Amino acid sequence: MEEGPALHAGARRNEDIALDLMKFVAMTTGYGRTSGGGGVGFQGSGPAAKPEDYAAHLLELYGKCLSAVGGKK
C-alpha cells in the first residue's frame, strides 16, 4: 500500500487527527455511552442500548470529526 506524496516527519493525516479528536470527545463527554449512568456533557441522541448502537454513534462522531478536520478553509 502506497502512502501518496512524501510527508515530513511531523505530518499527520486528517484521518489520524479526526480519530484522535473523536477519542477525545467520546471519552470526555461519554458520547454514545451504553450505560445509563448520568454522565456529564453531550450524550448524542441518548445512551445507546446495544453495542451496535454505540458503534453507530462512534462512527457518526468520527464522520463529523473528519469533516471538521478536512474543512480548513
Protein backbone atom coordinates (compact mmCIF):
# COMPACT_ATOMS: atom_id res chain seq x y z
CA MET A 1 0.00 0.00 0.00
CA GLU A 2 1.48 3.33 -1.06
CA GLU A 3 1.28 6.49 1.01
CA GLY A 4 0.97 9.09 -1.73
CA PRO A 5 3.13 12.23 -1.55
CA ALA A 6 6.01 12.07 0.90
CA LEU A 7 5.21 13.70 4.23
CA HIS A 8 7.74 15.32 6.51
CA ALA A 9 8.45 13.68 9.87
CA GLY A 10 5.85 15.59 11.95
CA ALA A 11 2.97 15.48 9.44
CA ARG A 12 -0.24 13.66 10.30
CA ARG A 13 -3.08 12.62 8.05
CA ASN A 14 -6.53 14.14 8.52
CA GLU A 15 -7.89 10.67 9.32
CA ASP A 16 -5.44 10.31 12.21
CA ILE A 17 -6.28 13.74 13.57
CA ALA A 18 -10.02 13.05 13.27
CA LEU A 19 -9.59 9.74 15.11
CA ASP A 20 -7.77 11.44 17.98
CA LEU A 21 -10.45 14.14 18.10
CA MET A 22 -13.20 11.51 18.13
CA LYS A 23 -11.50 9.64 21.00
CA PHE A 24 -11.13 12.86 22.98
CA VAL A 25 -14.76 13.90 22.51
CA ALA A 26 -16.10 10.40 23.21
CA MET A 27 -14.02 9.90 26.35
CA THR A 28 -14.56 13.34 27.86
CA THR A 29 -18.29 13.60 27.15
CA GLY A 30 -19.45 9.98 27.28
CA TYR A 31 -20.81 10.33 23.72
CA GLY A 32 -22.85 7.24 22.78
CA ARG A 33 -22.15 5.51 26.11
CA THR A 34 -24.05 2.24 26.59
CA SER A 35 -24.59 2.65 30.33
CA GLY A 36 -27.46 4.73 31.57
CA GLY A 37 -25.30 6.48 34.15
CA GLY A 38 -25.70 10.21 34.47
CA GLY A 39 -22.64 11.29 32.51
CA VAL A 40 -21.66 14.90 32.17
CA GLY A 41 -21.75 16.63 28.81
CA PHE A 42 -23.21 15.93 25.42
CA GLN A 43 -24.73 12.46 25.13
CA GLY A 44 -25.59 12.42 21.44
CA SER A 45 -29.12 11.16 20.90
CA GLY A 46 -29.26 9.42 24.28
CA PRO A 47 -27.45 6.42 25.68
CA ALA A 48 -27.02 3.54 23.25
CA ALA A 49 -28.99 0.44 24.22
CA LYS A 50 -26.76 -2.10 22.41
CA PRO A 51 -23.10 -2.32 21.39
CA GLU A 52 -24.20 -1.94 17.76
CA ASP A 53 -25.83 1.38 18.65
CA TYR A 54 -22.67 2.51 20.45
CA ALA A 55 -20.57 1.66 17.38
CA ALA A 56 -23.01 3.56 15.15
CA HIS A 57 -22.74 6.61 17.43
CA LEU A 58 -18.93 6.48 17.31
CA LEU A 59 -18.89 6.13 13.51
CA GLU A 60 -21.22 9.11 13.21
CA LEU A 61 -18.97 11.12 15.53
CA TYR A 62 -15.88 10.10 13.52
CA GLY A 63 -17.56 11.34 10.34
CA LYS A 64 -18.29 14.68 11.98
CA CYS A 65 -14.71 14.95 13.24
CA LEU A 66 -13.30 14.08 9.80
CA SER A 67 -15.49 16.73 8.20
CA ALA A 68 -14.35 19.29 10.77
CA VAL A 69 -10.67 18.48 10.25
CA GLY A 70 -10.97 18.47 6.47
CA GLY A 71 -12.94 21.71 6.41
CA LYS A 72 -9.93 24.01 6.92
CA LYS A 73 -10.90 26.98 4.75
